[in-house]
Amino acid sequence: MGIRLPTKILRRSLSKGANNDVPKGHFTVYVGETQFKKKFVVPLSYLNHSSFQDLLSRAEEEFGFDHPMGGLTIPCNEDMFIDLTCRLNGL
């Protein structure tokens, strides 16, 4: 028996002037393979999943721990990230 996450848990910031509040139990990541990355707010529970940990390993390999954006940046296609997070929500 597990906890069911709401299906709308993944959110994307639509503009730089959007509300920057991150809800308790969530963190911000920047996703994209180009200079222009999208900001997503995801639940901390994603950190427990091996597929999300694989993305974090890729980020570490590419950026190390000192990235100029100042946040956690994941170098993958936005559609792939959304697909992964949708599957994680289904668990």
PDB file of N, CA and C in Angstrom:
ATOM      1  N   MET A   1       0.852  -1.172   0.000  1.00  0.00           N
ATOM      2  CA  MET A   1       0.000   0.000   0.000  1.00  0.00           C
ATOM      3  C   MET A   1       0.896   1.233   0.000  1.00  0.00           C
ATOM      4  N   GLY A   2       0.622   2.179  -0.854  1.00  0.00           N
ATOM      5  CA  GLY A   2       1.434   3.384  -0.940  1.00  0.00           C
ATOM      6  C   GLY A   2       0.578   4.626  -0.936  1.00  0.00           C
ATOM      7  N   ILE A   3       1.250   5.741  -0.984  1.00  0.00           N
ATOM      8  CA  ILE A   3       0.566   7.031  -1.023  1.00  0.00           C
ATOM      9  C   ILE A   3       0.372   7.427  -2.474  1.00  0.00           C
ATOM     10  N   ARG A   4      -0.812   7.813  -2.845  1.00  0.00           N
ATOM     11  CA  ARG A   4      -1.117   8.241  -4.216  1.00  0.00           C
ATOM     12  C   ARG A   4      -0.868   9.739  -4.336  1.00  0.00           C
ATOM     13  N   LEU A   5      -0.012  10.114  -5.273  1.00  0.00           N
ATOM     14  CA  LEU A   5       0.285  11.527  -5.497  1.00  0.00           C
ATOM     15  C   LEU A   5      -0.762  12.132  -6.414  1.00  0.00           C
ATOM     16  N   PRO A   6      -1.105  13.398  -6.210  1.00  0.00           N
ATOM     17  CA  PRO A   6      -2.034  14.068  -7.123  1.00  0.00           C
ATOM     18  C   PRO A   6      -1.456  14.118  -8.533  1.00  0.00           C
ATOM     19  N   THR A   7      -2.304  14.023  -9.542  1.00  0.00           N
ATOM     20  CA  THR A   7      -1.820  13.991 -10.925  1.00  0.00           C
ATOM     21  C   THR A   7      -1.282  15.334 -11.397  1.00  0.00           C
ATOM     22  N   LYS A   8      -1.646  16.411 -10.740  1.00  0.00           N
ATOM     23  CA  LYS A   8      -1.185  17.739 -11.153  1.00  0.00           C
ATOM     24  C   LYS A   8      -0.012  18.217 -10.313  1.00  0.00           C
ATOM     25  N   ILE A   9       0.797  17.304  -9.777  1.00  0.00           N
ATOM     26  CA  ILE A   9       1.870  17.682  -8.861  1.00  0.00           C
ATOM     27  C   ILE A   9       3.022  18.382  -9.594  1.00  0.00           C
ATOM     28  N   LEU A  10       3.221  18.059 -10.872  1.00  0.00           N
ATOM     29  CA  LEU A  10       4.283  18.673 -11.652  1.00  0.00           C
ATOM     30  C   LEU A  10       3.777  19.979 -12.227  1.00  0.00           C
ATOM     31  N   ARG A  11       4.508  21.054 -11.943  1.00  0.00           N
ATOM     32  CA  ARG A  11       4.108  22.362 -12.464  1.00  0.00           C
ATOM     33  C   ARG A  11       5.289  23.006 -13.168  1.00  0.00           C
ATOM     34  N   ARG A  12       4.983  23.812 -14.130  1.00  0.00           N
ATOM     35  CA  ARG A  12       6.014  24.526 -14.867  1.00  0.00           C
ATOM     36  C   ARG A  12       5.764  26.007 -14.726  1.00  0.00           C
ATOM     37  N   SER A  13       6.826  26.739 -14.489  1.00  0.00           N
ATOM     38  CA  SER A  13       6.716  28.188 -14.405  1.00  0.00           C
ATOM     39  C   SER A  13       6.528  28.736 -15.806  1.00  0.00           C
ATOM     40  N   LEU A  14       5.496  29.546 -16.002  1.00  0.00           N
ATOM     41  CA  LEU A  14       5.200  30.063 -17.335  1.00  0.00           C
ATOM     42  C   LEU A  14       5.939  31.347 -17.651  1.00  0.00           C
ATOM     43  N   SER A  15       6.405  32.049 -16.637  1.00  0.00           N
ATOM     44  CA  SER A  15       7.139  33.283 -16.904  1.00  0.00           C
ATOM     45  C   SER A  15       8.119  33.542 -15.781  1.00  0.00           C
ATOM     46  N   LYS A  16       9.107  34.370 -16.076  1.00  0.00           N
ATOM     47  CA  LYS A  16      10.099  34.690 -15.060  1.00  0.00           C
ATOM     48  C   LYS A  16       9.502  35.485 -13.919  1.00  0.00           C
ATOM     49  N   GLY A  17       8.408  36.178 -14.151  1.00  0.00           N
ATOM     50  CA  GLY A  17       7.772  36.972 -13.111  1.00  0.00           C
ATOM     51  C   GLY A  17       6.742  36.186 -12.318  1.00  0.00           C
ATOM     52  N   ALA A  18       6.643  34.881 -12.571  1.00  0.00           N
ATOM     53  CA  ALA A  18       5.646  34.065 -11.879  1.00  0.00           C
ATOM     54  C   ALA A  18       5.995  33.945 -10.404  1.00  0.00           C
ATOM     55  N   ASN A  19       5.004  33.574  -9.619  1.00  0.00           N
ATOM     56  CA  ASN A  19       5.197  33.379  -8.189  1.00  0.00           C
ATOM     57  C   ASN A  19       6.310  32.361  -7.978  1.00  0.00           C
ATOM     58  N   ASN A  20       7.334  32.724  -7.233  1.00  0.00           N
ATOM     59  CA  ASN A  20       8.488  31.858  -7.033  1.00  0.00           C
ATOM     60  C   ASN A  20       8.382  31.012  -5.777  1.00  0.00           C
ATOM     61  N   ASP A  21       7.220  30.938  -5.157  1.00  0.00           N
ATOM     62  CA  ASP A  21       7.054  30.114  -3.971  1.00  0.00           C
ATOM     63  C   ASP A  21       7.097  28.644  -4.355  1.00  0.00           C
ATOM     64  N   VAL A  22       7.913  27.892  -3.626  1.00  0.00           N
ATOM     65  CA  VAL A  22       7.989  26.457  -3.826  1.00  0.00           C
ATOM     66  C   VAL A  22       7.300  25.808  -2.637  1.00  0.00           C
ATOM     67  N   PRO A  23       6.272  25.009  -2.868  1.00  0.00           N
ATOM     68  CA  PRO A  23       5.546  24.400  -1.760  1.00  0.00           C
ATOM     69  C   PRO A  23       6.441  23.484  -0.923  1.00  0.00           C
ATOM     70  N   LYS A  24       6.087  23.332   0.328  1.00  0.00           N
ATOM     71  CA  LYS A  24       6.814  22.438   1.213  1.00  0.00           C
ATOM     72  C   LYS A  24       6.796  21.033   0.614  1.00  0.00           C
ATOM     73  N   GLY A  25       7.951  20.364   0.664  1.00  0.00           N
ATOM     74  CA  GLY A  25       8.047  19.019   0.122  1.00  0.00           C
ATOM     75  C   GLY A  25       8.341  18.972  -1.366  1.00  0.00           C
ATOM     76  N   HIS A  26       8.708  20.100  -1.963  1.00  0.00           N
ATOM     77  CA  HIS A  26       9.011  20.190  -3.391  1.00  0.00           C
ATOM     78  C   HIS A  26      10.342  20.910  -3.586  1.00  0.00           C
ATOM     79  N   PHE A  27      10.882  20.797  -4.790  1.00  0.00           N
ATOM     80  CA  PHE A  27      12.088  21.540  -5.159  1.00  0.00           C
ATOM     81  C   PHE A  27      12.009  21.922  -6.623  1.00  0.00           C
ATOM     82  N   THR A  28      12.853  22.857  -7.011  1.00  0.00           N
ATOM     83  CA  THR A  28      12.849  23.390  -8.368  1.00  0.00           C
ATOM     84  C   THR A  28      13.977  22.776  -9.183  1.00  0.00           C
ATOM     85  N   VAL A  29      13.686  22.423 -10.418  1.00  0.00           N
ATOM     86  CA  VAL A  29      14.708  21.985 -11.365  1.00  0.00           C
ATOM     87  C   VAL A  29      14.517  22.754 -12.669  1.00  0.00           C
ATOM     88  N   TYR A  30      15.601  22.918 -13.394  1.00  0.00           N
ATOM     89  CA  TYR A  30      15.569  23.525 -14.721  1.00  0.00           C
ATOM     90  C   TYR A  30      15.863  22.419 -15.719  1.00  0.00           C
ATOM     91  N   VAL A  31      15.037  22.302 -16.749  1.00  0.00           N
ATOM     92  CA  VAL A  31      15.127  21.185 -17.690  1.00  0.00           C
ATOM     93  C   VAL A  31      15.277  21.723 -19.111  1.00  0.00           C
ATOM     94  N   GLY A  32      16.191  21.119 -19.861  1.00  0.00           N
ATOM     95  CA  GLY A  32      16.346  21.471 -21.261  1.00  0.00           C
ATOM     96  C   GLY A  32      17.744  21.186 -21.761  1.00  0.00           C
ATOM     97  N   GLU A  33      17.853  21.104 -23.069  1.00  0.00           N
ATOM     98  CA  GLU A  33      19.137  20.833 -23.712  1.00  0.00           C
ATOM     99  C   GLU A  33      19.694  22.066 -24.408  1.00  0.00           C
ATOM    100  N   THR A  34      18.970  23.158 -24.345  1.00  0.00           N
ATOM    101  CA  THR A  34      19.419  24.390 -24.980  1.00  0.00           C
ATOM    102  C   THR A  34      19.706  25.436 -23.907  1.00  0.00           C
ATOM    103  N   GLN A  35      20.064  26.612 -24.341  1.00  0.00           N
ATOM    104  CA  GLN A  35      20.346  27.706 -23.418  1.00  0.00           C
ATOM    105  C   GLN A  35      19.097  28.093 -22.619  1.00  0.00           C
ATOM    106  N   PHE A  36      17.935  27.960 -23.228  1.00  0.00           N
ATOM    107  CA  PHE A  36      16.682  28.352 -22.584  1.00  0.00           C
ATOM    108  C   PHE A  36      16.046  27.141 -21.924  1.00  0.00           C
ATOM    109  N   LYS A  37      16.114  27.094 -20.609  1.00  0.00           N
ATOM    110  CA  LYS A  37      15.606  25.963 -19.845  1.00  0.00           C
ATOM    111  C   LYS A  37      14.262  26.308 -19.214  1.00  0.00           C
ATOM    112  N   LYS A  38      13.428  25.291 -19.015  1.00  0.00           N
ATOM    113  CA  LYS A  38      12.123  25.459 -18.369  1.00  0.00           C
ATOM    114  C   LYS A  38      12.265  25.123 -16.893  1.00  0.00           C
ATOM    115  N   LYS A  39      11.543  25.861 -16.082  1.00  0.00           N
ATOM    116  CA  LYS A  39      11.570  25.647 -14.638  1.00  0.00           C
ATOM    117  C   LYS A  39      10.391  24.762 -14.242  1.00  0.00           C
ATOM    118  N   PHE A  40      10.674  23.697 -13.472  1.00  0.00           N
ATOM    119  CA  PHE A  40       9.655  22.799 -12.967  1.00  0.00           C
ATOM    120  C   PHE A  40       9.754  22.707 -11.449  1.00  0.00           C
ATOM    121  N   VAL A  41       8.626  22.553 -10.786  1.00  0.00           N
ATOM    122  CA  VAL A  41       8.578  22.308  -9.348  1.00  0.00           C
ATOM    123  C   VAL A  41       8.111  20.875  -9.176  1.00  0.00           C
ATOM    124  N   VAL A  42       8.950  20.043  -8.551  1.00  0.00           N
ATOM    125  CA  VAL A  42       8.663  18.614  -8.422  1.00  0.00           C
ATOM    126  C   VAL A  42       8.720  18.187  -6.960  1.00  0.00           C
ATOM    127  N   PRO A  43       8.017  17.111  -6.605  1.00  0.00           N
ATOM    128  CA  PRO A  43       8.023  16.645  -5.221  1.00  0.00           C
ATOM    129  C   PRO A  43       9.353  15.984  -4.845  1.00  0.00           C
ATOM    130  N   LEU A  44       9.735  16.123  -3.592  1.00  0.00           N
ATOM    131  CA  LEU A  44      10.964  15.513  -3.096  1.00  0.00           C
ATOM    132  C   LEU A  44      10.946  13.996  -3.242  1.00  0.00           C
ATOM    133  N   SER A  45       9.780  13.393  -3.268  1.00  0.00           N
ATOM    134  CA  SER A  45       9.672  11.936  -3.378  1.00  0.00           C
ATOM    135  C   SER A  45      10.318  11.407  -4.664  1.00  0.00           C
ATOM    136  N   TYR A  46      10.450  12.239  -5.686  1.00  0.00           N
ATOM    137  CA  TYR A  46      11.108  11.808  -6.927  1.00  0.00           C
ATOM    138  C   TYR A  46      12.547  11.388  -6.681  1.00  0.00           C
ATOM    139  N   LEU A  47      13.166  11.939  -5.663  1.00  0.00           N
ATOM    140  CA  LEU A  47      14.567  11.619  -5.373  1.00  0.00           C
ATOM    141  C   LEU A  47      14.757  10.150  -5.000  1.00  0.00           C
ATOM    142  N   ASN A  48      13.693   9.464  -4.636  1.00  0.00           N
ATOM    143  CA  ASN A  48      13.772   8.048  -4.255  1.00  0.00           C
ATOM    144  C   ASN A  48      13.716   7.100  -5.447  1.00  0.00           C
ATOM    145  N   HIS A  49      13.420   7.589  -6.639  1.00  0.00           N
ATOM    146  CA  HIS A  49      13.244   6.746  -7.818  1.00  0.00           C
ATOM    147  C   HIS A  49      14.539   6.670  -8.625  1.00  0.00           C
ATOM    148  N   SER A  50      14.894   5.454  -9.009  1.00  0.00           N
ATOM    149  CA  SER A  50      16.155   5.251  -9.733  1.00  0.00           C
ATOM    150  C   SER A  50      16.193   5.992 -11.073  1.00  0.00           C
ATOM    151  N   SER A  51      15.063   6.073 -11.765  1.00  0.00           N
ATOM    152  CA  SER A  51      15.060   6.766 -13.056  1.00  0.00           C
ATOM    153  C   SER A  51      15.333   8.261 -12.882  1.00  0.00           C
ATOM    154  N   PHE A  52      14.826   8.862 -11.799  1.00  0.00           N
ATOM    155  CA  PHE A  52      15.107  10.275 -11.548  1.00  0.00           C
ATOM    156  C   PHE A  52      16.563  10.430 -11.101  1.00  0.00           C
ATOM    157  N   GLN A  53      17.060   9.483 -10.340  1.00  0.00           N
ATOM    158  CA  GLN A  53      18.458   9.528  -9.910  1.00  0.00           C
ATOM    159  C   GLN A  53      19.404   9.442 -11.106  1.00  0.00           C
ATOM    160  N   ASP A  54      18.995   8.699 -12.151  1.00  0.00           N
ATOM    161  CA  ASP A  54      19.789   8.633 -13.379  1.00  0.00           C
ATOM    162  C   ASP A  54      19.907  10.022 -14.025  1.00  0.00           C
ATOM    163  N   LEU A  55      18.794  10.767 -14.036  1.00  0.00           N
ATOM    164  CA  LEU A  55      18.837  12.138 -14.576  1.00  0.00           C
ATOM    165  C   LEU A  55      19.780  13.006 -13.757  1.00  0.00           C
ATOM    166  N   LEU A  56      19.746  12.848 -12.441  1.00  0.00           N
ATOM    167  CA  LEU A  56      20.635  13.630 -11.574  1.00  0.00           C
ATOM    168  C   LEU A  56      22.096  13.276 -11.825  1.00  0.00           C
ATOM    169  N   SER A  57      22.378  12.018 -12.100  1.00  0.00           N
ATOM    170  CA  SER A  57      23.757  11.608 -12.423  1.00  0.00           C
ATOM    171  C   SER A  57      24.216  12.251 -13.721  1.00  0.00           C
ATOM    172  N   ARG A  58      23.321  12.304 -14.706  1.00  0.00           N
ATOM    173  CA  ARG A  58      23.660  12.982 -15.968  1.00  0.00           C
ATOM    174  C   ARG A  58      23.956  14.458 -15.732  1.00  0.00           C
ATOM    175  N   ALA A  59      23.158  15.071 -14.864  1.00  0.00           N
ATOM    176  CA  ALA A  59      23.365  16.488 -14.551  1.00  0.00           C
ATOM    177  C   ALA A  59      24.716  16.689 -13.880  1.00  0.00           C
ATOM    178  N   GLU A  60      25.065  15.796 -12.964  1.00  0.00           N
ATOM    179  CA  GLU A  60      26.359  15.900 -12.278  1.00  0.00           C
ATOM    180  C   GLU A  60      27.511  15.753 -13.260  1.00  0.00           C
ATOM    181  N   GLU A  61      27.390  14.799 -14.197  1.00  0.00           N
ATOM    182  CA  GLU A  61      28.441  14.592 -15.191  1.00  0.00           C
ATOM    183  C   GLU A  61      28.627  15.822 -16.070  1.00  0.00           C
ATOM    184  N   GLU A  62      27.520  16.442 -16.453  1.00  0.00           N
ATOM    185  CA  GLU A  62      27.601  17.585 -17.370  1.00  0.00           C
ATOM    186  C   GLU A  62      27.985  18.884 -16.677  1.00  0.00           C
ATOM    187  N   PHE A  63      27.405  19.135 -15.496  1.00  0.00           N
ATOM    188  CA  PHE A  63      27.587  20.431 -14.846  1.00  0.00           C
ATOM    189  C   PHE A  63      28.404  20.389 -13.566  1.00  0.00           C
ATOM    190  N   GLY A  64      28.606  19.216 -12.988  1.00  0.00           N
ATOM    191  CA  GLY A  64      29.247  19.153 -11.677  1.00  0.00           C
ATOM    192  C   GLY A  64      28.303  19.735 -10.632  1.00  0.00           C
ATOM    193  N   PHE A  65      28.862  20.288  -9.588  1.00  0.00           N
ATOM    194  CA  PHE A  65      28.034  20.835  -8.519  1.00  0.00           C
ATOM    195  C   PHE A  65      28.025  22.356  -8.507  1.00  0.00           C
ATOM    196  N   ASP A  66      28.672  22.967  -9.477  1.00  0.00           N
ATOM    197  CA  ASP A  66      28.742  24.427  -9.533  1.00  0.00           C
ATOM    198  C   ASP A  66      28.241  24.882 -10.898  1.00  0.00           C
ATOM    199  N   HIS A  67      26.944  25.105 -10.990  1.00  0.00           N
ATOM    200  CA  HIS A  67      26.356  25.490 -12.269  1.00  0.00           C
ATOM    201  C   HIS A  67      25.972  26.960 -12.238  1.00  0.00           C
ATOM    202  N   PRO A  68      26.252  27.710 -13.310  1.00  0.00           N
ATOM    203  CA  PRO A  68      25.992  29.146 -13.333  1.00  0.00           C
ATOM    204  C   PRO A  68      24.530  29.540 -13.161  1.00  0.00           C
ATOM    205  N   MET A  69      23.584  28.634 -13.421  1.00  0.00           N
ATOM    206  CA  MET A  69      22.176  28.981 -13.266  1.00  0.00           C
ATOM    207  C   MET A  69      21.773  29.070 -11.803  1.00  0.00           C
ATOM    208  N   GLY A  70      22.595  28.487 -10.941  1.00  0.00           N
ATOM    209  CA  GLY A  70      22.324  28.585  -9.515  1.00  0.00           C
ATOM    210  C   GLY A  70      21.311  27.580  -9.010  1.00  0.00           C
ATOM    211  N   GLY A  71      20.775  26.743  -9.873  1.00  0.00           N
ATOM    212  CA  GLY A  71      19.800  25.746  -9.462  1.00  0.00           C
ATOM    213  C   GLY A  71      20.149  24.404 -10.053  1.00  0.00           C
ATOM    214  N   LEU A  72      19.382  23.419  -9.698  1.00  0.00           N
ATOM    215  CA  LEU A  72      19.581  22.083 -10.226  1.00  0.00           C
ATOM    216  C   LEU A  72      19.103  22.064 -11.673  1.00  0.00           C
ATOM    217  N   THR A  73      20.030  21.782 -12.591  1.00  0.00           N
ATOM    218  CA  THR A  73      19.719  21.782 -14.018  1.00  0.00           C
ATOM    219  C   THR A  73      19.858  20.365 -14.554  1.00  0.00           C
ATOM    220  N   ILE A  74      18.824  19.897 -15.230  1.00  0.00           N
ATOM    221  CA  ILE A  74      18.823  18.546 -15.780  1.00  0.00           C
ATOM    222  C   ILE A  74      18.896  18.645 -17.296  1.00  0.00           C
ATOM    223  N   PRO A  75      19.981  18.118 -17.892  1.00  0.00           N
ATOM    224  CA  PRO A  75      20.183  18.239 -19.335  1.00  0.00           C
ATOM    225  C   PRO A  75      19.463  17.145 -20.114  1.00  0.00           C
ATOM    226  N   CYS A  76      18.146  17.274 -20.242  1.00  0.00           N
ATOM    227  CA  CYS A  76      17.393  16.317 -21.051  1.00  0.00           C
ATOM    228  C   CYS A  76      16.272  17.067 -21.764  1.00  0.00           C
ATOM    229  N   ASN A  77      15.700  16.410 -22.721  1.00  0.00           N
ATOM    230  CA  ASN A  77      14.590  16.958 -23.478  1.00  0.00           C
ATOM    231  C   ASN A  77      13.398  17.172 -22.549  1.00  0.00           C
ATOM    232  N   GLU A  78      12.717  18.303 -22.686  1.00  0.00           N
ATOM    233  CA  GLU A  78      11.568  18.621 -21.834  1.00  0.00           C
ATOM    234  C   GLU A  78      10.472  17.559 -21.935  1.00  0.00           C
ATOM    235  N   ASP A  79      10.197  17.071 -23.136  1.00  0.00           N
ATOM    236  CA  ASP A  79       9.164  16.049 -23.304  1.00  0.00           C
ATOM    237  C   ASP A  79       9.534  14.755 -22.582  1.00  0.00           C
ATOM    238  N   MET A  80      10.820  14.377 -22.633  1.00  0.00           N
ATOM    239  CA  MET A  80      11.268  13.180 -21.926  1.00  0.00           C
ATOM    240  C   MET A  80      11.095  13.351 -20.414  1.00  0.00           C
ATOM    241  N   PHE A  81      11.415  14.536 -19.903  1.00  0.00           N
ATOM    242  CA  PHE A  81      11.267  14.813 -18.477  1.00  0.00           C
ATOM    243  C   PHE A  81       9.797  14.721 -18.059  1.00  0.00           C
ATOM    244  N   ILE A  82       8.917  15.300 -18.845  1.00  0.00           N
ATOM    245  CA  ILE A  82       7.486  15.257 -18.537  1.00  0.00           C
ATOM    246  C   ILE A  82       6.979  13.817 -18.575  1.00  0.00           C
ATOM    247  N   ASP A  83       7.426  13.039 -19.559  1.00  0.00           N
ATOM    248  CA  ASP A  83       7.037  11.635 -19.645  1.00  0.00           C
ATOM    249  C   ASP A  83       7.492  10.867 -18.408  1.00  0.00           C
ATOM    250  N   LEU A  84       8.731  11.082 -17.990  1.00  0.00           N
ATOM    251  CA  LEU A  84       9.257  10.411 -16.805  1.00  0.00           C
ATOM    252  C   LEU A  84       8.454  10.779 -15.557  1.00  0.00           C
ATOM    253  N   THR A  85       8.200  12.064 -15.373  1.00  0.00           N
ATOM    254  CA  THR A  85       7.478  12.487 -14.172  1.00  0.00           C
ATOM    255  C   THR A  85       6.034  11.993 -14.178  1.00  0.00           C
ATOM    256  N   CYS A  86       5.435  11.885 -15.353  1.00  0.00           N
ATOM    257  CA  CYS A  86       4.078  11.320 -15.428  1.00  0.00           C
ATOM    258  C   CYS A  86       4.092   9.858 -15.003  1.00  0.00           C
ATOM    259  N   ARG A  87       5.121   9.122 -15.415  1.00  0.00           N
ATOM    260  CA  ARG A  87       5.224   7.722 -15.001  1.00  0.00           C
ATOM    261  C   ARG A  87       5.472   7.617 -13.499  1.00  0.00           C
ATOM    262  N   LEU A  88       6.286   8.518 -12.940  1.00  0.00           N
ATOM    263  CA  LEU A  88       6.529   8.510 -11.498  1.00  0.00           C
ATOM    264  C   LEU A  88       5.258   8.830 -10.720  1.00  0.00           C
ATOM    265  N   ASN A  89       4.424   9.691 -11.262  1.00  0.00           N
ATOM    266  CA  ASN A  89       3.147  10.005 -10.611  1.00  0.00           C
ATOM    267  C   ASN A  89       2.220   8.797 -10.604  1.00  0.00           C
ATOM    268  N   GLY A  90       2.365   7.926 -11.595  1.00  0.00           N
ATOM    269  CA  GLY A  90       1.508   6.765 -11.693  1.00  0.00           C
ATOM    270  C   GLY A  90       1.870   5.635 -10.739  1.00  0.00           C
ATOM    271  N   LEU A  91       3.017   5.740 -10.085  1.00  0.00           N
ATOM    272  CA  LEU A  91       3.447   4.672  -9.168  1.00  0.00           C
ATOM    273  C   LEU A  91       2.672   4.696  -7.875  1.00  0.00           C
TER     274      LEU A  91
END
